[in-house]
Amino acid sequence: MDCFRPGIPQEFIIFLCVVVSVITEAVSNFVVVAAFMPALVGVADTVNMNPLFILMAVALSSSLAFMLPSGTPPNALVFSTNYLETKDMVKAGLVVKIIGIIIFPIVMYFIARPLSPLF
């Protein structure tokens, strides 16, 4: 099965990764993954593809929470020192998030896909 055929375009997977990575800024990563995964298994079954590619993309993109103190425990720890303001974290985190959103699909397409027999 080819995960990049016309039935499931690359743009959909990139869009899904962007949506998940944005939602994880305000909500726990676990909650986002637990909410999205069952629905995405149904989407993958509908388009007749192995759901592992979509599920892996969602699981990995949920870890791109870098902008807000609530994103990850290390963010909250650094923010609790009162040396940083939220706007400082948003500026730095936005750059890292954009880099992650750009690099993530490239890694999925050129590294994960050829190495995994599941796709």
PDB file of N, CA and C in Angstrom:
ATOM      1  N   MET A   1       0.839  -1.186   0.000  1.00  0.00           N
ATOM      2  CA  MET A   1       0.000   0.000   0.000  1.00  0.00           C
ATOM      3  C   MET A   1       0.880   1.244   0.000  1.00  0.00           C
ATOM      4  N   ASP A   2       0.564   2.142  -0.847  1.00  0.00           N
ATOM      5  CA  ASP A   2       1.317   3.389  -0.906  1.00  0.00           C
ATOM      6  C   ASP A   2       0.535   4.470  -0.167  1.00  0.00           C
ATOM      7  N   CYS A   3       1.154   5.045   0.850  1.00  0.00           N
ATOM      8  CA  CYS A   3       0.426   6.027   1.660  1.00  0.00           C
ATOM      9  C   CYS A   3       0.361   7.387   0.982  1.00  0.00           C
ATOM     10  N   PHE A   4       1.087   7.583  -0.111  1.00  0.00           N
ATOM     11  CA  PHE A   4       1.037   8.858  -0.808  1.00  0.00           C
ATOM     12  C   PHE A   4       0.404   8.695  -2.181  1.00  0.00           C
ATOM     13  N   ARG A   5      -0.725   8.043  -2.223  1.00  0.00           N
ATOM     14  CA  ARG A   5      -1.466   7.907  -3.470  1.00  0.00           C
ATOM     15  C   ARG A   5      -2.577   8.954  -3.491  1.00  0.00           C
ATOM     16  N   PRO A   6      -3.260   9.135  -4.579  1.00  0.00           N
ATOM     17  CA  PRO A   6      -4.285  10.175  -4.651  1.00  0.00           C
ATOM     18  C   PRO A   6      -5.389  10.058  -3.615  1.00  0.00           C
ATOM     19  N   GLY A   7      -5.656   8.870  -3.061  1.00  0.00           N
ATOM     20  CA  GLY A   7      -6.722   8.707  -2.082  1.00  0.00           C
ATOM     21  C   GLY A   7      -6.447   9.439  -0.772  1.00  0.00           C
ATOM     22  N   ILE A   8      -5.194   9.567  -0.382  1.00  0.00           N
ATOM     23  CA  ILE A   8      -4.838  10.259   0.858  1.00  0.00           C
ATOM     24  C   ILE A   8      -3.659  11.173   0.553  1.00  0.00           C
ATOM     25  N   PRO A   9      -3.911  12.391   0.182  1.00  0.00           N
ATOM     26  CA  PRO A   9      -2.836  13.274  -0.269  1.00  0.00           C
ATOM     27  C   PRO A   9      -1.909  13.690   0.864  1.00  0.00           C
ATOM     28  N   GLN A  10      -0.701  14.024   0.481  1.00  0.00           N
ATOM     29  CA  GLN A  10       0.291  14.506   1.440  1.00  0.00           C
ATOM     30  C   GLN A  10      -0.216  15.737   2.166  1.00  0.00           C
ATOM     31  N   GLU A  11      -0.959  16.562   1.472  1.00  0.00           N
ATOM     32  CA  GLU A  11      -1.462  17.790   2.084  1.00  0.00           C
ATOM     33  C   GLU A  11      -2.373  17.492   3.269  1.00  0.00           C
ATOM     34  N   PHE A  12      -3.148  16.424   3.177  1.00  0.00           N
ATOM     35  CA  PHE A  12      -4.024  16.053   4.287  1.00  0.00           C
ATOM     36  C   PHE A  12      -3.210  15.676   5.513  1.00  0.00           C
ATOM     37  N   ILE A  13      -2.168  14.897   5.319  1.00  0.00           N
ATOM     38  CA  ILE A  13      -1.330  14.476   6.445  1.00  0.00           C
ATOM     39  C   ILE A  13      -0.596  15.673   7.035  1.00  0.00           C
ATOM     40  N   ILE A  14      -0.101  16.566   6.192  1.00  0.00           N
ATOM     41  CA  ILE A  14       0.565  17.779   6.691  1.00  0.00           C
ATOM     42  C   ILE A  14      -0.437  18.648   7.444  1.00  0.00           C
ATOM     43  N   PHE A  15      -1.633  18.818   6.890  1.00  0.00           N
ATOM     44  CA  PHE A  15      -2.676  19.593   7.562  1.00  0.00           C
ATOM     45  C   PHE A  15      -3.018  18.980   8.914  1.00  0.00           C
ATOM     46  N   LEU A  16      -3.150  17.684   8.956  1.00  0.00           N
ATOM     47  CA  LEU A  16      -3.461  16.991  10.195  1.00  0.00           C
ATOM     48  C   LEU A  16      -2.356  17.201  11.228  1.00  0.00           C
ATOM     49  N   CYS A  17      -1.109  17.132  10.803  1.00  0.00           N
ATOM     50  CA  CYS A  17       0.011  17.344  11.717  1.00  0.00           C
ATOM     51  C   CYS A  17       0.042  18.777  12.242  1.00  0.00           C
ATOM     52  N   VAL A  18      -0.264  19.739  11.393  1.00  0.00           N
ATOM     53  CA  VAL A  18      -0.298  21.141  11.832  1.00  0.00           C
ATOM     54  C   VAL A  18      -1.420  21.349  12.841  1.00  0.00           C
ATOM     55  N   VAL A  19      -2.591  20.801  12.560  1.00  0.00           N
ATOM     56  CA  VAL A  19      -3.730  20.954  13.474  1.00  0.00           C
ATOM     57  C   VAL A  19      -3.414  20.335  14.834  1.00  0.00           C
ATOM     58  N   VAL A  20      -2.867  19.144  14.832  1.00  0.00           N
ATOM     59  CA  VAL A  20      -2.542  18.470  16.093  1.00  0.00           C
ATOM     60  C   VAL A  20      -1.469  19.235  16.851  1.00  0.00           C
ATOM     61  N   SER A  21      -0.454  19.724  16.152  1.00  0.00           N
ATOM     62  CA  SER A  21       0.617  20.443  16.850  1.00  0.00           C
ATOM     63  C   SER A  21       0.136  21.779  17.411  1.00  0.00           C
ATOM     64  N   VAL A  22      -0.843  22.398  16.779  1.00  0.00           N
ATOM     65  CA  VAL A  22      -1.402  23.645  17.307  1.00  0.00           C
ATOM     66  C   VAL A  22      -2.298  23.362  18.518  1.00  0.00           C
ATOM     67  N   ILE A  23      -3.097  22.319  18.440  1.00  0.00           N
ATOM     68  CA  ILE A  23      -3.985  21.987  19.554  1.00  0.00           C
ATOM     69  C   ILE A  23      -3.188  21.606  20.795  1.00  0.00           C
ATOM     70  N   THR A  24      -2.046  20.965  20.616  1.00  0.00           N
ATOM     71  CA  THR A  24      -1.265  20.536  21.780  1.00  0.00           C
ATOM     72  C   THR A  24      -0.664  21.698  22.553  1.00  0.00           C
ATOM     73  N   GLU A  25      -0.728  22.897  22.029  1.00  0.00           N
ATOM     74  CA  GLU A  25      -0.250  24.049  22.793  1.00  0.00           C
ATOM     75  C   GLU A  25      -1.175  24.354  23.964  1.00  0.00           C
ATOM     76  N   ALA A  26      -2.457  24.074  23.804  1.00  0.00           N
ATOM     77  CA  ALA A  26      -3.427  24.408  24.849  1.00  0.00           C
ATOM     78  C   ALA A  26      -3.934  23.187  25.612  1.00  0.00           C
ATOM     79  N   VAL A  27      -3.794  22.011  25.025  1.00  0.00           N
ATOM     80  CA  VAL A  27      -4.333  20.794  25.614  1.00  0.00           C
ATOM     81  C   VAL A  27      -3.193  19.790  25.769  1.00  0.00           C
ATOM     82  N   SER A  28      -3.321  18.908  26.707  1.00  0.00           N
ATOM     83  CA  SER A  28      -2.315  17.873  26.938  1.00  0.00           C
ATOM     84  C   SER A  28      -2.105  17.019  25.693  1.00  0.00           C
ATOM     85  N   ASN A  29      -0.870  16.633  25.459  1.00  0.00           N
ATOM     86  CA  ASN A  29      -0.546  15.795  24.301  1.00  0.00           C
ATOM     87  C   ASN A  29      -1.336  14.487  24.333  1.00  0.00           C
ATOM     88  N   PHE A  30      -1.444  13.899  25.513  1.00  0.00           N
ATOM     89  CA  PHE A  30      -2.168  12.634  25.654  1.00  0.00           C
ATOM     90  C   PHE A  30      -3.637  12.784  25.263  1.00  0.00           C
ATOM     91  N   VAL A  31      -4.252  13.867  25.672  1.00  0.00           N
ATOM     92  CA  VAL A  31      -5.673  14.087  25.364  1.00  0.00           C
ATOM     93  C   VAL A  31      -5.867  14.245  23.857  1.00  0.00           C
ATOM     94  N   VAL A  32      -4.985  14.979  23.213  1.00  0.00           N
ATOM     95  CA  VAL A  32      -5.104  15.183  21.764  1.00  0.00           C
ATOM     96  C   VAL A  32      -4.960  13.856  21.029  1.00  0.00           C
ATOM     97  N   VAL A  33      -3.957  13.077  21.396  1.00  0.00           N
ATOM     98  CA  VAL A  33      -3.744  11.786  20.739  1.00  0.00           C
ATOM     99  C   VAL A  33      -4.910  10.846  21.015  1.00  0.00           C
ATOM    100  N   ALA A  34      -5.388  10.804  22.254  1.00  0.00           N
ATOM    101  CA  ALA A  34      -6.511   9.922  22.591  1.00  0.00           C
ATOM    102  C   ALA A  34      -7.792  10.328  21.864  1.00  0.00           C
ATOM    103  N   ALA A  35      -7.946  11.613  21.581  1.00  0.00           N
ATOM    104  CA  ALA A  35      -9.145  12.066  20.869  1.00  0.00           C
ATOM    105  C   ALA A  35      -9.049  11.816  19.367  1.00  0.00           C
ATOM    106  N   PHE A  36      -7.866  11.992  18.794  1.00  0.00           N
ATOM    107  CA  PHE A  36      -7.723  11.896  17.340  1.00  0.00           C
ATOM    108  C   PHE A  36      -7.566  10.460  16.836  1.00  0.00           C
ATOM    109  N   MET A  37      -6.874   9.612  17.574  1.00  0.00           N
ATOM    110  CA  MET A  37      -6.515   8.296  17.044  1.00  0.00           C
ATOM    111  C   MET A  37      -7.702   7.423  16.649  1.00  0.00           C
ATOM    112  N   PRO A  38      -8.733   7.276  17.476  1.00  0.00           N
ATOM    113  CA  PRO A  38      -9.856   6.429  17.042  1.00  0.00           C
ATOM    114  C   PRO A  38     -10.520   6.926  15.753  1.00  0.00           C
ATOM    115  N   ALA A  39     -10.663   8.229  15.621  1.00  0.00           N
ATOM    116  CA  ALA A  39     -11.281   8.767  14.410  1.00  0.00           C
ATOM    117  C   ALA A  39     -10.391   8.535  13.195  1.00  0.00           C
ATOM    118  N   LEU A  40      -9.081   8.649  13.383  1.00  0.00           N
ATOM    119  CA  LEU A  40      -8.171   8.485  12.252  1.00  0.00           C
ATOM    120  C   LEU A  40      -8.044   7.034  11.811  1.00  0.00           C
ATOM    121  N   VAL A  41      -8.264   6.102  12.712  1.00  0.00           N
ATOM    122  CA  VAL A  41      -8.306   4.698  12.297  1.00  0.00           C
ATOM    123  C   VAL A  41      -9.480   4.490  11.344  1.00  0.00           C
ATOM    124  N   GLY A  42     -10.612   5.115  11.648  1.00  0.00           N
ATOM    125  CA  GLY A  42     -11.762   5.042  10.753  1.00  0.00           C
ATOM    126  C   GLY A  42     -11.503   5.700   9.410  1.00  0.00           C
ATOM    127  N   VAL A  43     -10.809   6.836   9.422  1.00  0.00           N
ATOM    128  CA  VAL A  43     -10.456   7.515   8.161  1.00  0.00           C
ATOM    129  C   VAL A  43      -9.549   6.628   7.329  1.00  0.00           C
ATOM    130  N   ALA A  44      -8.566   6.016   7.961  1.00  0.00           N
ATOM    131  CA  ALA A  44      -7.642   5.145   7.231  1.00  0.00           C
ATOM    132  C   ALA A  44      -8.366   3.933   6.655  1.00  0.00           C
ATOM    133  N   ASP A  45      -9.284   3.371   7.398  1.00  0.00           N
ATOM    134  CA  ASP A  45     -10.063   2.242   6.874  1.00  0.00           C
ATOM    135  C   ASP A  45     -10.935   2.667   5.700  1.00  0.00           C
ATOM    136  N   THR A  46     -11.471   3.870   5.774  1.00  0.00           N
ATOM    137  CA  THR A  46     -12.326   4.365   4.694  1.00  0.00           C
ATOM    138  C   THR A  46     -11.563   4.508   3.385  1.00  0.00           C
ATOM    139  N   VAL A  47     -10.325   5.002   3.460  1.00  0.00           N
ATOM    140  CA  VAL A  47      -9.530   5.181   2.238  1.00  0.00           C
ATOM    141  C   VAL A  47      -8.674   3.963   1.934  1.00  0.00           C
ATOM    142  N   ASN A  48      -8.876   2.870   2.700  1.00  0.00           N
ATOM    143  CA  ASN A  48      -8.215   1.587   2.458  1.00  0.00           C
ATOM    144  C   ASN A  48      -6.691   1.698   2.510  1.00  0.00           C
ATOM    145  N   MET A  49      -6.201   2.244   3.621  1.00  0.00           N
ATOM    146  CA  MET A  49      -4.756   2.302   3.818  1.00  0.00           C
ATOM    147  C   MET A  49      -4.410   1.842   5.223  1.00  0.00           C
ATOM    148  N   ASN A  50      -3.179   1.469   5.403  1.00  0.00           N
ATOM    149  CA  ASN A  50      -2.700   1.060   6.719  1.00  0.00           C
ATOM    150  C   ASN A  50      -2.751   2.267   7.650  1.00  0.00           C
ATOM    151  N   PRO A  51      -3.460   2.181   8.767  1.00  0.00           N
ATOM    152  CA  PRO A  51      -3.617   3.344   9.645  1.00  0.00           C
ATOM    153  C   PRO A  51      -2.349   3.742  10.398  1.00  0.00           C
ATOM    154  N   LEU A  52      -1.322   2.905  10.383  1.00  0.00           N
ATOM    155  CA  LEU A  52      -0.129   3.205  11.171  1.00  0.00           C
ATOM    156  C   LEU A  52       0.581   4.478  10.716  1.00  0.00           C
ATOM    157  N   PHE A  53       0.541   4.781   9.429  1.00  0.00           N
ATOM    158  CA  PHE A  53       1.216   5.992   8.960  1.00  0.00           C
ATOM    159  C   PHE A  53       0.553   7.238   9.520  1.00  0.00           C
ATOM    160  N   ILE A  54      -0.764   7.309   9.450  1.00  0.00           N
ATOM    161  CA  ILE A  54      -1.479   8.464   9.987  1.00  0.00           C
ATOM    162  C   ILE A  54      -1.330   8.523  11.500  1.00  0.00           C
ATOM    163  N   LEU A  55      -1.431   7.388  12.168  1.00  0.00           N
ATOM    164  CA  LEU A  55      -1.323   7.370  13.621  1.00  0.00           C
ATOM    165  C   LEU A  55       0.077   7.781  14.080  1.00  0.00           C
ATOM    166  N   MET A  56       1.104   7.343  13.360  1.00  0.00           N
ATOM    167  CA  MET A  56       2.456   7.734  13.717  1.00  0.00           C
ATOM    168  C   MET A  56       2.658   9.224  13.497  1.00  0.00           C
ATOM    169  N   ALA A  57       2.106   9.747  12.421  1.00  0.00           N
ATOM    170  CA  ALA A  57       2.231  11.177  12.151  1.00  0.00           C
ATOM    171  C   ALA A  57       1.559  12.002  13.243  1.00  0.00           C
ATOM    172  N   VAL A  58       0.383  11.591  13.681  1.00  0.00           N
ATOM    173  CA  VAL A  58      -0.327  12.318  14.736  1.00  0.00           C
ATOM    174  C   VAL A  58       0.406  12.200  16.067  1.00  0.00           C
ATOM    175  N   ALA A  59       0.865  11.004  16.386  1.00  0.00           N
ATOM    176  CA  ALA A  59       1.563  10.809  17.657  1.00  0.00           C
ATOM    177  C   ALA A  59       2.842  11.646  17.725  1.00  0.00           C
ATOM    178  N   LEU A  60       3.601  11.672  16.649  1.00  0.00           N
ATOM    179  CA  LEU A  60       4.845  12.432  16.662  1.00  0.00           C
ATOM    180  C   LEU A  60       4.609  13.936  16.596  1.00  0.00           C
ATOM    181  N   SER A  61       3.627  14.369  15.843  1.00  0.00           N
ATOM    182  CA  SER A  61       3.378  15.809  15.756  1.00  0.00           C
ATOM    183  C   SER A  61       2.737  16.366  17.020  1.00  0.00           C
ATOM    184  N   SER A  62       2.184  15.495  17.860  1.00  0.00           N
ATOM    185  CA  SER A  62       1.632  15.987  19.125  1.00  0.00           C
ATOM    186  C   SER A  62       2.729  16.400  20.095  1.00  0.00           C
ATOM    187  N   SER A  63       3.944  16.043  19.802  1.00  0.00           N
ATOM    188  CA  SER A  63       5.045  16.413  20.693  1.00  0.00           C
ATOM    189  C   SER A  63       5.688  17.742  20.310  1.00  0.00           C
ATOM    190  N   LEU A  64       5.089  18.487  19.408  1.00  0.00           N
ATOM    191  CA  LEU A  64       5.642  19.774  18.980  1.00  0.00           C
ATOM    192  C   LEU A  64       5.048  20.939  19.781  1.00  0.00           C
ATOM    193  N   ALA A  65       4.913  20.788  21.073  1.00  0.00           N
ATOM    194  CA  ALA A  65       4.354  21.840  21.924  1.00  0.00           C
ATOM    195  C   ALA A  65       5.503  22.618  22.564  1.00  0.00           C
ATOM    196  N   PHE A  66       5.877  23.717  21.952  1.00  0.00           N
ATOM    197  CA  PHE A  66       7.032  24.481  22.419  1.00  0.00           C
ATOM    198  C   PHE A  66       6.704  25.920  22.808  1.00  0.00           C
ATOM    199  N   MET A  67       5.505  26.409  22.519  1.00  0.00           N
ATOM    200  CA  MET A  67       5.241  27.845  22.628  1.00  0.00           C
ATOM    201  C   MET A  67       4.743  28.302  23.987  1.00  0.00           C
ATOM    202  N   LEU A  68       3.952  27.530  24.667  1.00  0.00           N
ATOM    203  CA  LEU A  68       3.327  27.983  25.912  1.00  0.00           C
ATOM    204  C   LEU A  68       3.853  27.201  27.113  1.00  0.00           C
ATOM    205  N   PRO A  69       3.766  27.782  28.290  1.00  0.00           N
ATOM    206  CA  PRO A  69       4.219  27.064  29.484  1.00  0.00           C
ATOM    207  C   PRO A  69       3.467  25.752  29.723  1.00  0.00           C
ATOM    208  N   SER A  70       2.237  25.683  29.286  1.00  0.00           N
ATOM    209  CA  SER A  70       1.466  24.455  29.490  1.00  0.00           C
ATOM    210  C   SER A  70       1.809  23.366  28.481  1.00  0.00           C
ATOM    211  N   GLY A  71       2.676  23.658  27.514  1.00  0.00           N
ATOM    212  CA  GLY A  71       2.993  22.686  26.468  1.00  0.00           C
ATOM    213  C   GLY A  71       3.656  21.429  26.983  1.00  0.00           C
ATOM    214  N   THR A  72       4.719  21.575  27.752  1.00  0.00           N
ATOM    215  CA  THR A  72       5.428  20.426  28.305  1.00  0.00           C
ATOM    216  C   THR A  72       5.880  20.777  29.724  1.00  0.00           C
ATOM    217  N   PRO A  73       6.154  19.794  30.543  1.00  0.00           N
ATOM    218  CA  PRO A  73       6.656  20.089  31.893  1.00  0.00           C
ATOM    219  C   PRO A  73       7.953  20.922  31.911  1.00  0.00           C
ATOM    220  N   PRO A  74       8.912  20.682  31.005  1.00  0.00           N
ATOM    221  CA  PRO A  74      10.089  21.561  31.013  1.00  0.00           C
ATOM    222  C   PRO A  74       9.743  23.027  30.715  1.00  0.00           C
ATOM    223  N   ASN A  75       8.767  23.252  29.861  1.00  0.00           N
ATOM    224  CA  ASN A  75       8.327  24.628  29.605  1.00  0.00           C
ATOM    225  C   ASN A  75       7.780  25.260  30.880  1.00  0.00           C
ATOM    226  N   ALA A  76       6.969  24.518  31.600  1.00  0.00           N
ATOM    227  CA  ALA A  76       6.398  25.032  32.852  1.00  0.00           C
ATOM    228  C   ALA A  76       7.484  25.280  33.891  1.00  0.00           C
ATOM    229  N   LEU A  77       8.471  24.406  33.932  1.00  0.00           N
ATOM    230  CA  LEU A  77       9.567  24.567  34.882  1.00  0.00           C
ATOM    231  C   LEU A  77      10.372  25.828  34.598  1.00  0.00           C
ATOM    232  N   VAL A  78      10.702  26.057  33.343  1.00  0.00           N
ATOM    233  CA  VAL A  78      11.445  27.261  32.969  1.00  0.00           C
ATOM    234  C   VAL A  78      10.607  28.508  33.215  1.00  0.00           C
ATOM    235  N   PHE A  79       9.336  28.441  32.904  1.00  0.00           N
ATOM    236  CA  PHE A  79       8.460  29.598  33.100  1.00  0.00           C
ATOM    237  C   PHE A  79       8.295  29.928  34.579  1.00  0.00           C
ATOM    238  N   SER A  80       8.353  28.932  35.437  1.00  0.00           N
ATOM    239  CA  SER A  80       8.148  29.169  36.870  1.00  0.00           C
ATOM    240  C   SER A  80       9.303  29.928  37.522  1.00  0.00           C
ATOM    241  N   THR A  81      10.425  30.062  36.838  1.00  0.00           N
ATOM    242  CA  THR A  81      11.551  30.816  37.403  1.00  0.00           C
ATOM    243  C   THR A  81      11.318  32.321  37.346  1.00  0.00           C
ATOM    244  N   ASN A  82      10.324  32.763  36.623  1.00  0.00           N
ATOM    245  CA  ASN A  82       9.970  34.181  36.438  1.00  0.00           C
ATOM    246  C   ASN A  82      11.037  34.987  35.704  1.00  0.00           C
ATOM    247  N   TYR A  83      11.950  34.327  35.013  1.00  0.00           N
ATOM    248  CA  TYR A  83      12.913  35.028  34.176  1.00  0.00           C
ATOM    249  C   TYR A  83      12.372  35.262  32.772  1.00  0.00           C
ATOM    250  N   LEU A  84      11.355  34.510  32.399  1.00  0.00           N
ATOM    251  CA  LEU A  84      10.763  34.618  31.066  1.00  0.00           C
ATOM    252  C   LEU A  84       9.302  35.027  31.174  1.00  0.00           C
ATOM    253  N   GLU A  85       8.864  35.749  30.169  1.00  0.00           N
ATOM    254  CA  GLU A  85       7.444  36.048  30.036  1.00  0.00           C
ATOM    255  C   GLU A  85       6.864  35.144  28.955  1.00  0.00           C
ATOM    256  N   THR A  86       5.557  35.096  28.905  1.00  0.00           N
ATOM    257  CA  THR A  86       4.901  34.251  27.908  1.00  0.00           C
ATOM    258  C   THR A  86       5.268  34.673  26.495  1.00  0.00           C
ATOM    259  N   LYS A  87       5.391  35.976  26.255  1.00  0.00           N
ATOM    260  CA  LYS A  87       5.723  36.427  24.898  1.00  0.00           C
ATOM    261  C   LYS A  87       7.109  35.954  24.481  1.00  0.00           C
ATOM    262  N   ASP A  88       8.055  35.841  25.427  1.00  0.00           N
ATOM    263  CA  ASP A  88       9.382  35.317  25.097  1.00  0.00           C
ATOM    264  C   ASP A  88       9.294  33.848  24.684  1.00  0.00           C
ATOM    265  N   MET A  89       8.484  33.094  25.413  1.00  0.00           N
ATOM    266  CA  MET A  89       8.321  31.680  25.081  1.00  0.00           C
ATOM    267  C   MET A  89       7.611  31.499  23.744  1.00  0.00           C
ATOM    268  N   VAL A  90       6.635  32.358  23.462  1.00  0.00           N
ATOM    269  CA  VAL A  90       5.912  32.253  22.198  1.00  0.00           C
ATOM    270  C   VAL A  90       6.840  32.562  21.027  1.00  0.00           C
ATOM    271  N   LYS A  91       7.670  33.586  21.155  1.00  0.00           N
ATOM    272  CA  LYS A  91       8.595  33.936  20.070  1.00  0.00           C
ATOM    273  C   LYS A  91       9.567  32.797  19.779  1.00  0.00           C
ATOM    274  N   ALA A  92      10.191  32.279  20.811  1.00  0.00           N
ATOM    275  CA  ALA A  92      11.157  31.195  20.615  1.00  0.00           C
ATOM    276  C   ALA A  92      10.464  29.905  20.193  1.00  0.00           C
ATOM    277  N   GLY A  93       9.331  29.606  20.804  1.00  0.00           N
ATOM    278  CA  GLY A  93       8.609  28.381  20.491  1.00  0.00           C
ATOM    279  C   GLY A  93       8.025  28.367  19.101  1.00  0.00           C
ATOM    280  N   LEU A  94       7.616  29.528  18.603  1.00  0.00           N
ATOM    281  CA  LEU A  94       7.059  29.602  17.253  1.00  0.00           C
ATOM    282  C   LEU A  94       8.108  29.236  16.209  1.00  0.00           C
ATOM    283  N   VAL A  95       9.323  29.706  16.410  1.00  0.00           N
ATOM    284  CA  VAL A  95      10.407  29.375  15.479  1.00  0.00           C
ATOM    285  C   VAL A  95      10.658  27.866  15.480  1.00  0.00           C
ATOM    286  N   VAL A  96      10.738  27.274  16.667  1.00  0.00           N
ATOM    287  CA  VAL A  96      10.991  25.835  16.768  1.00  0.00           C
ATOM    288  C   VAL A  96       9.820  25.045  16.189  1.00  0.00           C
ATOM    289  N   LYS A  97       8.590  25.503  16.434  1.00  0.00           N
ATOM    290  CA  LYS A  97       7.410  24.809  15.902  1.00  0.00           C
ATOM    291  C   LYS A  97       7.390  24.857  14.373  1.00  0.00           C
ATOM    292  N   ILE A  98       7.698  26.005  13.796  1.00  0.00           N
ATOM    293  CA  ILE A  98       7.711  26.113  12.328  1.00  0.00           C
ATOM    294  C   ILE A  98       8.781  25.207  11.737  1.00  0.00           C
ATOM    295  N   ILE A  99       9.956  25.189  12.359  1.00  0.00           N
ATOM    296  CA  ILE A  99      11.016  24.294  11.883  1.00  0.00           C
ATOM    297  C   ILE A  99      10.558  22.841  11.984  1.00  0.00           C
ATOM    298  N   GLY A 100       9.918  22.481  13.089  1.00  0.00           N
ATOM    299  CA  GLY A 100       9.419  21.122  13.253  1.00  0.00           C
ATOM    300  C   GLY A 100       8.353  20.752  12.242  1.00  0.00           C
ATOM    301  N   ILE A 101       7.456  21.691  11.964  1.00  0.00           N
ATOM    302  CA  ILE A 101       6.386  21.422  10.993  1.00  0.00           C
ATOM    303  C   ILE A 101       6.949  21.282   9.579  1.00  0.00           C
ATOM    304  N   ILE A 102       8.018  21.983   9.279  1.00  0.00           N
ATOM    305  CA  ILE A 102       8.650  21.870   7.952  1.00  0.00           C
ATOM    306  C   ILE A 102       9.442  20.577   7.841  1.00  0.00           C
ATOM    307  N   ILE A 103      10.206  20.237   8.871  1.00  0.00           N
ATOM    308  CA  ILE A 103      11.084  19.071   8.804  1.00  0.00           C
ATOM    309  C   ILE A 103      10.321  17.760   8.987  1.00  0.00           C
ATOM    310  N   PHE A 104       9.268  17.771   9.789  1.00  0.00           N
ATOM    311  CA  PHE A 104       8.547  16.536  10.096  1.00  0.00           C
ATOM    312  C   PHE A 104       8.030  15.803   8.860  1.00  0.00           C
ATOM    313  N   PRO A 105       7.327  16.446   7.924  1.00  0.00           N
ATOM    314  CA  PRO A 105       6.866  15.701   6.738  1.00  0.00           C
ATOM    315  C   PRO A 105       8.019  15.185   5.875  1.00  0.00           C
ATOM    316  N   ILE A 106       9.117  15.923   5.840  1.00  0.00           N
ATOM    317  CA  ILE A 106      10.278  15.464   5.075  1.00  0.00           C
ATOM    318  C   ILE A 106      10.828  14.183   5.687  1.00  0.00           C
ATOM    319  N   VAL A 107      10.937  14.161   7.003  1.00  0.00           N
ATOM    320  CA  VAL A 107      11.420  12.961   7.689  1.00  0.00           C
ATOM    321  C   VAL A 107      10.455  11.799   7.469  1.00  0.00           C
ATOM    322  N   MET A 108       9.165  12.062   7.572  1.00  0.00           N
ATOM    323  CA  MET A 108       8.175  11.004   7.374  1.00  0.00           C
ATOM    324  C   MET A 108       8.252  10.435   5.962  1.00  0.00           C
ATOM    325  N   TYR A 109       8.424  11.284   4.979  1.00  0.00           N
ATOM    326  CA  TYR A 109       8.403  10.832   3.591  1.00  0.00           C
ATOM    327  C   TYR A 109       9.707  10.155   3.182  1.00  0.00           C
ATOM    328  N   PHE A 110      10.836  10.757   3.528  1.00  0.00           N
ATOM    329  CA  PHE A 110      12.109  10.250   3.029  1.00  0.00           C
ATOM    330  C   PHE A 110      12.808   9.259   3.960  1.00  0.00           C
ATOM    331  N   ILE A 111      12.471   9.242   5.238  1.00  0.00           N
ATOM    332  CA  ILE A 111      13.163   8.334   6.155  1.00  0.00           C
ATOM    333  C   ILE A 111      12.224   7.262   6.697  1.00  0.00           C
ATOM    334  N   ALA A 112      11.117   7.664   7.317  1.00  0.00           N
ATOM    335  CA  ALA A 112      10.233   6.692   7.955  1.00  0.00           C
ATOM    336  C   ALA A 112       9.561   5.782   6.939  1.00  0.00           C
ATOM    337  N   ARG A 113       9.106   6.321   5.854  1.00  0.00           N
ATOM    338  CA  ARG A 113       8.387   5.534   4.864  1.00  0.00           C
ATOM    339  C   ARG A 113       9.261   4.469   4.221  1.00  0.00           C
ATOM    340  N   PRO A 114      10.482   4.798   3.748  1.00  0.00           N
ATOM    341  CA  PRO A 114      11.311   3.737   3.144  1.00  0.00           C
ATOM    342  C   PRO A 114      11.790   2.684   4.152  1.00  0.00           C
ATOM    343  N   LEU A 115      11.958   3.062   5.402  1.00  0.00           N
ATOM    344  CA  LEU A 115      12.490   2.123   6.393  1.00  0.00           C
ATOM    345  C   LEU A 115      11.440   1.199   6.973  1.00  0.00           C
ATOM    346  N   SER A 116      10.185   1.557   6.870  1.00  0.00           N
ATOM    347  CA  SER A 116       9.151   0.748   7.492  1.00  0.00           C
ATOM    348  C   SER A 116       8.399  -0.077   6.454  1.00  0.00           C
ATOM    349  N   PRO A 117       8.337  -1.384   6.648  1.00  0.00           N
ATOM    350  CA  PRO A 117       7.556  -2.218   5.724  1.00  0.00           C
ATOM    351  C   PRO A 117       6.053  -2.111   5.940  1.00  0.00           C
ATOM    352  N   LEU A 118       5.643  -1.360   6.986  1.00  0.00           N
ATOM    353  CA  LEU A 118       4.227  -1.254   7.296  1.00  0.00           C
ATOM    354  C   LEU A 118       3.481  -0.292   6.392  1.00  0.00           C
ATOM    355  N   PHE A 119       4.199   0.571   5.693  1.00  0.00           N
ATOM    356  CA  PHE A 119       3.524   1.575   4.883  1.00  0.00           C
ATOM    357  C   PHE A 119       3.374   1.066   3.488  1.00  0.00           C
TER     358      PHE A 119
END
